[in-house]
Amino acid sequence: MTFRIISVIGLLLLSFLCHGRDSFFSTPSNTSWFGGPQLKYAEIGSDGRFMLGAKGGTVFGNDIHAFYIGGAGYGMLEPVSIADSEDYTFVYGGLILGYTYQPEKLVHWKSECLLGAGNITILDDNRVKGDKNYSVLLGELYGGAEFNVTDFLQVGVGAFYRLSTEPDHEGISADDLSGPGISIDFEFGYFH
């Protein structure tokens, strides 16, 4: 529990390190958009798992500060074992809110928050087991660096911490779904 609290505070502090003296209104603002794939790696259950997903949104800002709002969704690439013949998969998604400091620089910092819901599906011999679906609410904080590769492509690398509510299944806990991870994303869009 202490590690979770320290991780969350650390990610929040990272987002505040990007504070600048210029105001949001010091330069003309513009609107742009982005979207693309994201690959994540985190421990789910007691195993490390890759998750593949996508995110996209609309960016409002200027050369100094950029805020974005959008959506994202992710799913595990392979199931996690609970018992001898029982596995589960985990998917989640939701609303993303983010901030980027000096987005016109070659390398810039960004922070992001995802608020959403997830679904756990129990599998029996790699088939869905009846109506064995369990829902959770979750939040995820992200901090990382982003690189402007071209006028239409940005590549980001960073770390995140996901915090989940308790699912209603005796073999899966909130600790199995919560924890730190790393990610890489490719954002295609109109960055102006």
C-alpha atoms as a PDB file:
ATOM      1  CA  MET A   1       0.000   0.000   0.000  1.00  0.00           C
ATOM      2  CA  THR A   2       2.869   2.370   0.800  1.00  0.00           C
ATOM      3  CA  PHE A   3       4.396   1.721  -2.615  1.00  0.00           C
ATOM      4  CA  ARG A   4       1.095   2.649  -4.283  1.00  0.00           C
ATOM      5  CA  ILE A   5       0.845   5.917  -2.403  1.00  0.00           C
ATOM      6  CA  ILE A   6       4.459   6.825  -3.186  1.00  0.00           C
ATOM      7  CA  SER A   7       3.945   5.940  -6.882  1.00  0.00           C
ATOM      8  CA  VAL A   8       0.822   8.082  -7.157  1.00  0.00           C
ATOM      9  CA  ILE A   9       2.478  11.029  -5.400  1.00  0.00           C
ATOM     10  CA  GLY A  10       5.554  10.639  -7.622  1.00  0.00           C
ATOM     11  CA  LEU A  11       3.502  10.746 -10.820  1.00  0.00           C
ATOM     12  CA  LEU A  12       1.600  13.790  -9.585  1.00  0.00           C
ATOM     13  CA  LEU A  13       4.855  15.570  -8.734  1.00  0.00           C
ATOM     14  CA  LEU A  14       6.194  14.739 -12.200  1.00  0.00           C
ATOM     15  CA  SER A  15       3.213  16.483 -13.752  1.00  0.00           C
ATOM     16  CA  PHE A  16       3.823  19.584 -11.598  1.00  0.00           C
ATOM     17  CA  LEU A  17       7.523  19.762 -12.593  1.00  0.00           C
ATOM     18  CA  CYS A  18       6.338  20.885 -16.017  1.00  0.00           C
ATOM     19  CA  HIS A  19       5.057  24.172 -14.624  1.00  0.00           C
ATOM     20  CA  GLY A  20       6.075  27.215 -16.651  1.00  0.00           C
ATOM     21  CA  ARG A  21       5.998  30.949 -15.923  1.00  0.00           C
ATOM     22  CA  ASP A  22       4.134  31.838 -19.084  1.00  0.00           C
ATOM     23  CA  SER A  23       0.380  31.870 -18.841  1.00  0.00           C
ATOM     24  CA  PHE A  24      -1.929  29.770 -20.970  1.00  0.00           C
ATOM     25  CA  PHE A  25      -3.176  32.916 -22.667  1.00  0.00           C
ATOM     26  CA  SER A  26       0.286  34.391 -23.451  1.00  0.00           C
ATOM     27  CA  THR A  27       0.277  33.026 -27.028  1.00  0.00           C
ATOM     28  CA  PRO A  28      -2.575  32.319 -29.429  1.00  0.00           C
ATOM     29  CA  SER A  29      -4.221  28.952 -28.869  1.00  0.00           C
ATOM     30  CA  ASN A  30      -5.078  26.334 -31.454  1.00  0.00           C
ATOM     31  CA  THR A  31      -6.853  23.004 -31.691  1.00  0.00           C
ATOM     32  CA  SER A  32      -5.516  19.733 -33.060  1.00  0.00           C
ATOM     33  CA  TRP A  33      -6.183  16.009 -32.777  1.00  0.00           C
ATOM     34  CA  PHE A  34      -4.317  12.704 -32.411  1.00  0.00           C
ATOM     35  CA  GLY A  35      -4.858   8.952 -32.286  1.00  0.00           C
ATOM     36  CA  GLY A  36      -2.859   5.773 -32.392  1.00  0.00           C
ATOM     37  CA  PRO A  37      -1.775   2.489 -30.814  1.00  0.00           C
ATOM     38  CA  GLN A  38      -0.229   2.044 -27.383  1.00  0.00           C
ATOM     39  CA  LEU A  39       1.594  -0.998 -25.976  1.00  0.00           C
ATOM     40  CA  LYS A  40       1.744  -1.442 -22.193  1.00  0.00           C
ATOM     41  CA  TYR A  41       3.545  -3.901 -19.945  1.00  0.00           C
ATOM     42  CA  ALA A  42       2.484  -4.469 -16.348  1.00  0.00           C
ATOM     43  CA  GLU A  43       2.153  -7.195 -13.782  1.00  0.00           C
ATOM     44  CA  ILE A  44      -1.389  -8.557 -13.716  1.00  0.00           C
ATOM     45  CA  GLY A  45      -1.931 -11.246 -11.145  1.00  0.00           C
ATOM     46  CA  SER A  46       1.520 -12.648 -10.520  1.00  0.00           C
ATOM     47  CA  ASP A  47       2.554 -12.586 -14.185  1.00  0.00           C
ATOM     48  CA  GLY A  48       3.878  -9.823 -16.420  1.00  0.00           C
ATOM     49  CA  ARG A  49       1.520  -9.169 -19.330  1.00  0.00           C
ATOM     50  CA  PHE A  50       1.468  -7.036 -22.456  1.00  0.00           C
ATOM     51  CA  MET A  51      -1.660  -5.017 -23.163  1.00  0.00           C
ATOM     52  CA  LEU A  52      -2.433  -3.508 -26.550  1.00  0.00           C
ATOM     53  CA  GLY A  53      -4.808  -0.645 -27.075  1.00  0.00           C
ATOM     54  CA  ALA A  54      -5.407   2.701 -28.652  1.00  0.00           C
ATOM     55  CA  LYS A  55      -6.091   6.238 -27.587  1.00  0.00           C
ATOM     56  CA  GLY A  56      -7.134   9.428 -29.260  1.00  0.00           C
ATOM     57  CA  GLY A  57      -8.322  12.889 -28.470  1.00  0.00           C
ATOM     58  CA  THR A  58      -8.507  16.585 -29.150  1.00  0.00           C
ATOM     59  CA  VAL A  59      -5.721  18.957 -28.090  1.00  0.00           C
ATOM     60  CA  PHE A  60      -6.306  22.558 -27.009  1.00  0.00           C
ATOM     61  CA  GLY A  61      -3.361  24.814 -26.373  1.00  0.00           C
ATOM     62  CA  ASN A  62      -0.384  26.743 -27.653  1.00  0.00           C
ATOM     63  CA  ASP A  63       3.412  26.341 -27.922  1.00  0.00           C
ATOM     64  CA  ILE A  64       3.818  26.343 -24.137  1.00  0.00           C
ATOM     65  CA  HIS A  65       0.820  24.479 -22.684  1.00  0.00           C
ATOM     66  CA  ALA A  66      -1.408  21.872 -24.300  1.00  0.00           C
ATOM     67  CA  PHE A  67      -4.368  20.155 -22.670  1.00  0.00           C
ATOM     68  CA  TYR A  68      -6.120  17.201 -24.215  1.00  0.00           C
ATOM     69  CA  ILE A  69      -9.275  15.194 -23.691  1.00  0.00           C
ATOM     70  CA  GLY A  70     -10.150  11.908 -25.327  1.00  0.00           C
ATOM     71  CA  GLY A  71     -10.671   8.216 -24.859  1.00  0.00           C
ATOM     72  CA  ALA A  72      -8.620   5.039 -24.617  1.00  0.00           C
ATOM     73  CA  GLY A  73      -9.111   1.281 -24.467  1.00  0.00           C
ATOM     74  CA  TYR A  74      -6.772  -1.654 -23.757  1.00  0.00           C
ATOM     75  CA  GLY A  75      -6.879  -5.440 -23.670  1.00  0.00           C
ATOM     76  CA  MET A  76      -4.520  -8.212 -22.570  1.00  0.00           C
ATOM     77  CA  LEU A  77      -2.743 -10.107 -25.339  1.00  0.00           C
ATOM     78  CA  GLU A  78      -2.884 -13.412 -23.434  1.00  0.00           C
ATOM     79  CA  PRO A  79      -4.938 -14.661 -20.461  1.00  0.00           C
ATOM     80  CA  VAL A  80      -3.777 -15.019 -16.853  1.00  0.00           C
ATOM     81  CA  SER A  81      -4.221 -18.338 -15.000  1.00  0.00           C
ATOM     82  CA  ILE A  82      -6.267 -18.548 -11.798  1.00  0.00           C
ATOM     83  CA  ALA A  83      -6.512 -22.306 -11.356  1.00  0.00           C
ATOM     84  CA  ASP A  84      -5.633 -25.457 -13.336  1.00  0.00           C
ATOM     85  CA  SER A  85      -8.266 -25.001 -16.043  1.00  0.00           C
ATOM     86  CA  GLU A  86      -9.473 -21.471 -15.379  1.00  0.00           C
ATOM     87  CA  ASP A  87      -7.959 -18.309 -16.896  1.00  0.00           C
ATOM     88  CA  TYR A  88      -9.117 -14.730 -17.197  1.00  0.00           C
ATOM     89  CA  THR A  89      -8.719 -11.815 -19.574  1.00  0.00           C
ATOM     90  CA  PHE A  90      -8.886  -8.156 -18.629  1.00  0.00           C
ATOM     91  CA  VAL A  91      -9.947  -5.202 -20.780  1.00  0.00           C
ATOM     92  CA  TYR A  92     -10.469  -1.592 -19.738  1.00  0.00           C
ATOM     93  CA  GLY A  93     -10.978   1.863 -21.119  1.00  0.00           C
ATOM     94  CA  GLY A  94     -12.282   5.297 -20.351  1.00  0.00           C
ATOM     95  CA  LEU A  95     -11.873   9.042 -20.491  1.00  0.00           C
ATOM     96  CA  ILE A  96      -8.360  10.507 -20.691  1.00  0.00           C
ATOM     97  CA  LEU A  97      -7.374  13.985 -19.558  1.00  0.00           C
ATOM     98  CA  GLY A  98      -3.828  15.148 -20.198  1.00  0.00           C
ATOM     99  CA  TYR A  99      -1.334  17.990 -20.120  1.00  0.00           C
ATOM    100  CA  THR A 100       1.777  18.521 -22.257  1.00  0.00           C
ATOM    101  CA  TYR A 101       4.439  21.120 -21.513  1.00  0.00           C
ATOM    102  CA  GLN A 102       6.089  22.775 -24.555  1.00  0.00           C
ATOM    103  CA  PRO A 103       4.661  20.370 -27.179  1.00  0.00           C
ATOM    104  CA  GLU A 104       6.608  22.060 -30.002  1.00  0.00           C
ATOM    105  CA  LYS A 105       9.983  21.012 -28.504  1.00  0.00           C
ATOM    106  CA  LEU A 106      11.707  17.922 -29.908  1.00  0.00           C
ATOM    107  CA  VAL A 107      11.402  16.208 -26.505  1.00  0.00           C
ATOM    108  CA  HIS A 108       8.665  17.282 -24.124  1.00  0.00           C
ATOM    109  CA  TRP A 109       6.954  16.022 -20.964  1.00  0.00           C
ATOM    110  CA  LYS A 110       3.358  14.999 -20.557  1.00  0.00           C
ATOM    111  CA  SER A 111       1.091  13.692 -17.831  1.00  0.00           C
ATOM    112  CA  GLU A 112      -2.224  11.943 -18.217  1.00  0.00           C
ATOM    113  CA  CYS A 113      -5.101  10.570 -16.170  1.00  0.00           C
ATOM    114  CA  LEU A 114      -7.495   7.830 -17.295  1.00  0.00           C
ATOM    115  CA  LEU A 115     -10.803   7.350 -15.484  1.00  0.00           C
ATOM    116  CA  GLY A 116     -12.845   4.403 -16.610  1.00  0.00           C
ATOM    117  CA  ALA A 117     -14.105   0.880 -16.195  1.00  0.00           C
ATOM    118  CA  GLY A 118     -12.810  -2.591 -16.877  1.00  0.00           C
ATOM    119  CA  ASN A 119     -14.148  -6.069 -17.488  1.00  0.00           C
ATOM    120  CA  ILE A 120     -12.764  -9.419 -16.399  1.00  0.00           C
ATOM    121  CA  THR A 121     -13.914 -12.457 -18.378  1.00  0.00           C
ATOM    122  CA  ILE A 122     -13.376 -15.927 -16.933  1.00  0.00           C
ATOM    123  CA  LEU A 123     -12.259 -18.543 -19.472  1.00  0.00           C
ATOM    124  CA  ASP A 124     -12.572 -22.306 -19.111  1.00  0.00           C
ATOM    125  CA  ASP A 125     -10.218 -24.172 -21.486  1.00  0.00           C
ATOM    126  CA  ASN A 126      -9.821 -20.948 -23.530  1.00  0.00           C
ATOM    127  CA  ARG A 127     -13.584 -20.509 -23.972  1.00  0.00           C
ATOM    128  CA  VAL A 128     -15.850 -18.006 -22.252  1.00  0.00           C
ATOM    129  CA  LYS A 129     -17.333 -19.638 -19.189  1.00  0.00           C
ATOM    130  CA  GLY A 130     -21.060 -18.849 -19.288  1.00  0.00           C
ATOM    131  CA  ASP A 131     -21.788 -15.384 -17.999  1.00  0.00           C
ATOM    132  CA  LYS A 132     -18.657 -15.071 -15.885  1.00  0.00           C
ATOM    133  CA  ASN A 133     -17.935 -11.367 -16.371  1.00  0.00           C
ATOM    134  CA  TYR A 134     -16.909  -9.053 -13.559  1.00  0.00           C
ATOM    135  CA  SER A 135     -16.736  -5.267 -13.786  1.00  0.00           C
ATOM    136  CA  VAL A 136     -14.365  -2.888 -12.008  1.00  0.00           C
ATOM    137  CA  LEU A 137     -13.837   0.860 -11.866  1.00  0.00           C
ATOM    138  CA  LEU A 138     -10.290   2.110 -12.235  1.00  0.00           C
ATOM    139  CA  GLY A 139      -8.027   5.094 -12.530  1.00  0.00           C
ATOM    140  CA  GLU A 140      -4.600   5.349 -14.114  1.00  0.00           C
ATOM    141  CA  LEU A 141      -1.949   8.060 -13.793  1.00  0.00           C
ATOM    142  CA  TYR A 142       0.736   8.356 -16.474  1.00  0.00           C
ATOM    143  CA  GLY A 143       3.874  10.448 -16.816  1.00  0.00           C
ATOM    144  CA  GLY A 144       6.405  10.347 -19.618  1.00  0.00           C
ATOM    145  CA  ALA A 145       8.418  11.886 -22.393  1.00  0.00           C
ATOM    146  CA  GLU A 146       7.242  12.416 -25.947  1.00  0.00           C
ATOM    147  CA  PHE A 147       9.360  12.834 -29.075  1.00  0.00           C
ATOM    148  CA  ASN A 148       8.294  14.771 -32.176  1.00  0.00           C
ATOM    149  CA  VAL A 149       9.412  12.427 -34.976  1.00  0.00           C
ATOM    150  CA  THR A 150       7.656  14.160 -37.890  1.00  0.00           C
ATOM    151  CA  ASP A 151       4.957  16.803 -38.309  1.00  0.00           C
ATOM    152  CA  PHE A 152       2.307  14.081 -37.984  1.00  0.00           C
ATOM    153  CA  LEU A 153       3.937  11.515 -35.614  1.00  0.00           C
ATOM    154  CA  GLN A 154       4.878  11.638 -31.945  1.00  0.00           C
ATOM    155  CA  VAL A 155       6.349   8.682 -30.031  1.00  0.00           C
ATOM    156  CA  GLY A 156       5.923   8.579 -26.264  1.00  0.00           C
ATOM    157  CA  VAL A 157       7.511   6.449 -23.546  1.00  0.00           C
ATOM    158  CA  GLY A 158       6.549   6.530 -19.920  1.00  0.00           C
ATOM    159  CA  ALA A 159       5.343   4.877 -16.756  1.00  0.00           C
ATOM    160  CA  PHE A 160       1.893   4.533 -15.255  1.00  0.00           C
ATOM    161  CA  TYR A 161       0.147   3.352 -12.133  1.00  0.00           C
ATOM    162  CA  ARG A 162      -3.276   1.699 -12.369  1.00  0.00           C
ATOM    163  CA  LEU A 163      -5.598   1.483  -9.348  1.00  0.00           C
ATOM    164  CA  SER A 164      -8.663  -0.790  -9.505  1.00  0.00           C
ATOM    165  CA  THR A 165     -11.691  -1.479  -7.340  1.00  0.00           C
ATOM    166  CA  GLU A 166     -12.271  -4.964  -5.958  1.00  0.00           C
ATOM    167  CA  PRO A 167     -13.869  -7.393  -8.477  1.00  0.00           C
ATOM    168  CA  ASP A 168     -16.578  -9.741  -7.213  1.00  0.00           C
ATOM    169  CA  HIS A 169     -14.544 -12.928  -7.787  1.00  0.00           C
ATOM    170  CA  GLU A 170     -12.795 -14.893  -5.049  1.00  0.00           C
ATOM    171  CA  GLY A 171      -9.750 -15.749  -7.194  1.00  0.00           C
ATOM    172  CA  ILE A 172      -9.026 -12.174  -8.358  1.00  0.00           C
ATOM    173  CA  SER A 173      -8.328  -9.153  -6.157  1.00  0.00           C
ATOM    174  CA  ALA A 174      -7.851  -5.442  -6.746  1.00  0.00           C
ATOM    175  CA  ASP A 175      -4.130  -5.994  -6.099  1.00  0.00           C
ATOM    176  CA  ASP A 176      -4.016  -8.347  -9.117  1.00  0.00           C
ATOM    177  CA  LEU A 177      -5.296  -5.578 -11.404  1.00  0.00           C
ATOM    178  CA  SER A 178      -3.530  -2.605  -9.774  1.00  0.00           C
ATOM    179  CA  GLY A 179       0.125  -1.699 -10.038  1.00  0.00           C
ATOM    180  CA  PRO A 180       2.851   0.109 -11.974  1.00  0.00           C
ATOM    181  CA  GLY A 181       3.776  -0.449 -15.599  1.00  0.00           C
ATOM    182  CA  ILE A 182       5.562   0.993 -18.620  1.00  0.00           C
ATOM    183  CA  SER A 183       4.267   1.954 -22.042  1.00  0.00           C
ATOM    184  CA  ILE A 184       5.162   3.138 -25.515  1.00  0.00           C
ATOM    185  CA  ASP A 185       2.707   4.890 -27.792  1.00  0.00           C
ATOM    186  CA  PHE A 186       2.600   6.174 -31.348  1.00  0.00           C
ATOM    187  CA  GLU A 187       0.394   9.210 -31.857  1.00  0.00           C
ATOM    188  CA  PHE A 188      -0.574  10.134 -35.397  1.00  0.00           C
ATOM    189  CA  GLY A 189      -2.398  13.357 -35.988  1.00  0.00           C
ATOM    190  CA  TYR A 190      -2.532  16.980 -36.862  1.00  0.00           C
ATOM    191  CA  PHE A 191      -0.150  18.737 -34.458  1.00  0.00           C
ATOM    192  CA  HIS A 192      -0.327  22.439 -35.185  1.00  0.00           C
END
